[in-house]
Amino acid sequence: MQQGLLASILLSASLLTGHVSASEVQPSFVNSLLVDQQLNKKVDELHQYLIDGDIITLNFSLNRLSMPQQEAVRFMLVQQIEQQQLILDPKGTIWLKEQLTIHPTYTIKEQGNGYVVTKLAFDYSSIASRVLSQMSKDQQVLDFILAAEEHRLVLSEWLVGEPHEVRVRQSIVLAELDSLTPEALDYLVAQITDDPLSVWLPTTEVMVRLAQLSRNSEVYKILWKMRTDQHSIAELERLSNVAPDPFATQQLMLATNNPSLKQNAFASLAQLHPLPKDVQQFLLAKIDHIQDGGAVAIHLANYGHTSWLESLPTTRNKVRKQHVRLALSQR
């Protein structure tokens, strides 16, 4: 007996039991349709019509199928588009959008421990929605890259709007910045650094990514002035791991200007062995500072720089003497 005929008989039997509605089918019946050889052959045929852009023949052939075979084939074709990541022409895209307006008929019930869930048996509309959403994002990625490379993209316009749209666009920026040419990246960075009076800034997450890729001191200078969050903290930790790279240590020293980051930055600098000359000079100046000096000296003592602290001249500097004595006394 042919698989398609067997499936139809099974459907009729299930509808006569009286335990299900006219639109409810059993999961086993759904599975039998999805593995039916004739239906899968029909999907391949419709797939070729889609590739050829012959949407009229596709719809005619699809509509000739009886139910629920038609829904199963529609589901498998849309699923195939997603799985194979097909690039659709405008006609194919319009056809896919039309699937959003066709509501699946058949349902199945899934039973668990104390619950029953009713689900669509052939939920092709959800798959179509997902594919169209991905297609839209892919187009936005292309638009972003081309606009940046052609120096047309304005970040303050790209990253404003409806919250959902901004989240999508920000994710594109974060994912695609490292694919831009150095010239395009410099163009975007200049929008941040060349207008000191600008009241608009991207999120710290975007700022961190721009700073990492550009290694631009001005971007970091602005970043350290922004409100601290997990992204700026993570970047400080990353720089700590890169130190004693000169650029990284320079940013750690600049980060001490941020009240929320300065103790972590001081600790990161104090962990360097040996202390680079510029770091020594920087930390020595901080030790002489009434507010920060005590904490800086303690960080240095905690990370094994007691000999250097003991060697510091303190006879003419009461503030330094007090901070060094306090740090050494806690060892």
Foldseek 3Di string as FASTA:
>chain_A
DALVVVLVVQLVVVCPPPPDDNQEDELVSLVSLLPRPVLVVLLVVLLVCQVVLVVVVSVVSLVVDDPPSSLSSLLVNLVVCVVVVDDGDPSSLVVLVVVLVDDQRHWYWDDDDVDIDIDGSRPSNVSSVVSVVVVVLVVVLVVVQVCLQVLNDQVVVCQDDDPVSNVSSVVSLLVCVVVHDLVSLVSHVCNVQVCPPDPDDDDLQNLLSSCVVNVDVSSLLVSLVDDDDPNVVVSLVVLLVVPPPVSSLVSLLSSLVRVVCNLVSLLSQLLDPPRPPVSVVSLVVQLLDQPRNLSSLLSNLVNPNLVVLVPDDPPVRPSNVVSNVVNVVVD
